[in-house]
Amino acid sequence: MTIERRKYMRFLAKDNSFAALRNGFKKVGKIDDISINGLGFSYLGETTEVDTTGHFSEVDIFNSGNGFYLSNVPCRIVYEAPDSIPDEGFLLRMSRCGLQFGELNGSQLEQLELFIENYTAGSL
């Protein structure tokens, strides 16, 4: 049995929920889970190693089904790992990226809470 050590409860994101890292929008993918403190998302991208140490960015969170859009959320990449080993000759593979949110302003926090209330399908 695995003991959850996270401080904040995580929720499974509903379909059509996406995250886009603002660094040139090179990483856009489906949100897997989200909490008030961060999120995890899966994306299809090039097979490169990424140094996540001190990597700060901003992320946009949106749901394509209804027009929900939360932009410029400060974040830090906590981890980035490939989901699978690519077939030889392929440059793309599925990867997973974990983000920790930075300091949110009042409006961003309110919108994030709204997203968790309306666009998630239960806790992990």
Protein backbone atom coordinates (compact mmCIF):
# COMPACT_ATOMS: atom_id res chain seq x y z
CA MET A 1 0.00 0.00 0.00
CA THR A 2 1.35 3.41 -1.00
CA ILE A 3 1.04 6.24 1.50
CA GLU A 4 0.22 9.58 -0.09
CA ARG A 5 2.64 12.23 1.15
CA ARG A 6 1.29 15.18 -0.78
CA LYS A 7 -0.02 18.14 1.17
CA TYR A 8 -2.91 18.88 -1.22
CA MET A 9 -5.52 16.48 -2.57
CA ARG A 10 -5.17 15.70 -6.29
CA PHE A 11 -8.12 15.37 -8.64
CA LEU A 12 -8.48 13.56 -11.97
CA ALA A 13 -9.09 16.04 -14.78
CA LYS A 14 -12.05 15.49 -17.08
CA ASP A 15 -11.54 15.02 -20.82
CA ASN A 16 -10.83 18.14 -22.86
CA SER A 17 -8.69 19.69 -20.09
CA PHE A 18 -5.28 20.84 -21.28
CA ALA A 19 -2.13 22.63 -20.12
CA ALA A 20 0.26 24.66 -22.27
CA LEU A 21 3.69 25.72 -21.01
CA ARG A 22 4.35 29.28 -22.12
CA ASN A 23 8.01 28.73 -23.10
CA GLY A 24 7.18 28.92 -26.80
CA PHE A 25 4.18 26.61 -26.28
CA LYS A 26 6.44 23.64 -27.11
CA LYS A 27 4.65 21.49 -24.53
CA VAL A 28 0.88 21.27 -24.79
CA GLY A 29 -0.94 18.24 -23.45
CA LYS A 30 -3.83 16.67 -21.59
CA ILE A 31 -4.05 17.35 -17.86
CA ASP A 32 -3.94 14.05 -15.97
CA ASP A 33 -4.39 15.36 -12.44
CA ILE A 34 -4.52 18.73 -10.69
CA SER A 35 -4.48 20.19 -7.20
CA ILE A 36 -4.46 23.68 -5.74
CA ASN A 37 -0.65 23.35 -5.67
CA GLY A 38 0.15 21.95 -9.13
CA LEU A 39 -0.72 19.61 -11.97
CA GLY A 40 0.56 16.72 -14.06
CA PHE A 41 0.04 16.52 -17.80
CA SER A 42 1.01 14.23 -20.68
CA TYR A 43 2.25 15.52 -24.01
CA LEU A 44 3.72 14.25 -27.25
CA GLY A 45 7.16 15.71 -27.87
CA GLU A 46 10.73 15.28 -29.00
CA THR A 47 12.90 12.79 -27.20
CA THR A 48 15.25 15.13 -25.37
CA GLU A 49 16.56 15.27 -21.83
CA VAL A 50 15.40 18.28 -19.83
CA ASP A 51 17.13 19.78 -16.81
CA THR A 52 14.27 20.72 -14.48
CA THR A 53 16.48 22.34 -11.82
CA GLY A 54 15.26 25.85 -11.18
CA HIS A 55 13.16 25.87 -14.35
CA PHE A 56 10.43 28.48 -13.86
CA SER A 57 7.72 29.18 -16.36
CA GLU A 58 4.06 29.98 -16.76
CA VAL A 59 1.27 27.63 -17.78
CA ASP A 60 -2.14 28.17 -19.36
CA ILE A 61 -4.95 25.86 -18.26
CA PHE A 62 -7.99 25.41 -20.47
CA ASN A 63 -10.96 23.19 -21.23
CA SER A 64 -11.77 22.95 -24.92
CA GLY A 65 -15.36 21.89 -24.33
CA ASN A 66 -16.66 25.09 -22.80
CA GLY A 67 -14.17 27.93 -23.20
CA PHE A 68 -12.63 27.89 -19.70
CA TYR A 69 -9.22 29.58 -19.91
CA LEU A 70 -6.77 30.46 -17.13
CA SER A 71 -3.58 32.07 -18.39
CA ASN A 72 -0.12 32.97 -17.11
CA VAL A 73 -0.14 30.79 -13.99
CA PRO A 74 3.38 30.91 -12.51
CA CYS A 75 4.88 27.45 -12.12
CA ARG A 76 8.03 25.41 -11.75
CA ILE A 77 8.72 22.12 -13.51
CA VAL A 78 9.15 19.52 -10.77
CA TYR A 79 9.73 16.52 -13.01
CA GLU A 80 9.64 15.49 -16.62
CA ALA A 81 9.86 11.87 -17.68
CA PRO A 82 9.10 9.77 -20.76
CA ASP A 83 6.00 7.56 -20.50
CA SER A 84 7.47 4.98 -22.84
CA ILE A 85 10.58 4.04 -24.78
CA PRO A 86 10.27 5.28 -28.37
CA ASP A 87 10.56 2.91 -31.28
CA GLU A 88 13.91 3.20 -33.03
CA GLY A 89 13.87 5.96 -35.60
CA PHE A 90 11.01 7.89 -33.98
CA LEU A 91 11.80 11.34 -32.61
CA LEU A 92 8.53 11.74 -30.71
CA ARG A 93 7.18 10.00 -27.64
CA MET A 94 4.67 10.55 -24.87
CA SER A 95 6.10 12.24 -21.81
CA ARG A 96 4.71 13.35 -18.48
CA CYS A 97 5.45 16.69 -16.85
CA GLY A 98 4.72 17.71 -13.25
CA LEU A 99 4.31 21.37 -12.33
CA GLN A 100 4.20 23.13 -8.99
CA PHE A 101 2.32 26.42 -9.03
CA GLY A 102 4.02 29.58 -7.86
CA GLU A 103 2.29 32.42 -6.04
CA LEU A 104 -1.15 32.96 -7.55
CA ASN A 105 -3.04 36.26 -7.44
CA GLY A 106 -6.61 36.28 -6.07
CA SER A 107 -8.24 35.97 -9.48
CA GLN A 108 -6.02 33.06 -10.54
CA LEU A 109 -6.69 31.21 -7.28
CA GLU A 110 -10.43 31.73 -7.68
CA GLN A 111 -10.35 30.44 -11.28
CA LEU A 112 -8.21 27.44 -10.28
CA GLU A 113 -10.72 26.53 -7.55
CA LEU A 114 -13.52 26.89 -10.12
CA PHE A 115 -11.65 24.56 -12.49
CA ILE A 116 -11.18 21.93 -9.77
CA GLU A 117 -14.87 22.15 -8.78
CA ASN A 118 -16.25 21.89 -12.31
CA TYR A 119 -13.72 20.08 -14.52
CA THR A 120 -12.44 17.21 -12.42
CA ALA A 121 -13.87 13.73 -11.92
CA GLY A 122 -13.04 12.88 -8.32
CA SER A 123 -9.92 12.60 -6.22
CA LEU A 124 -6.94 10.32 -6.72
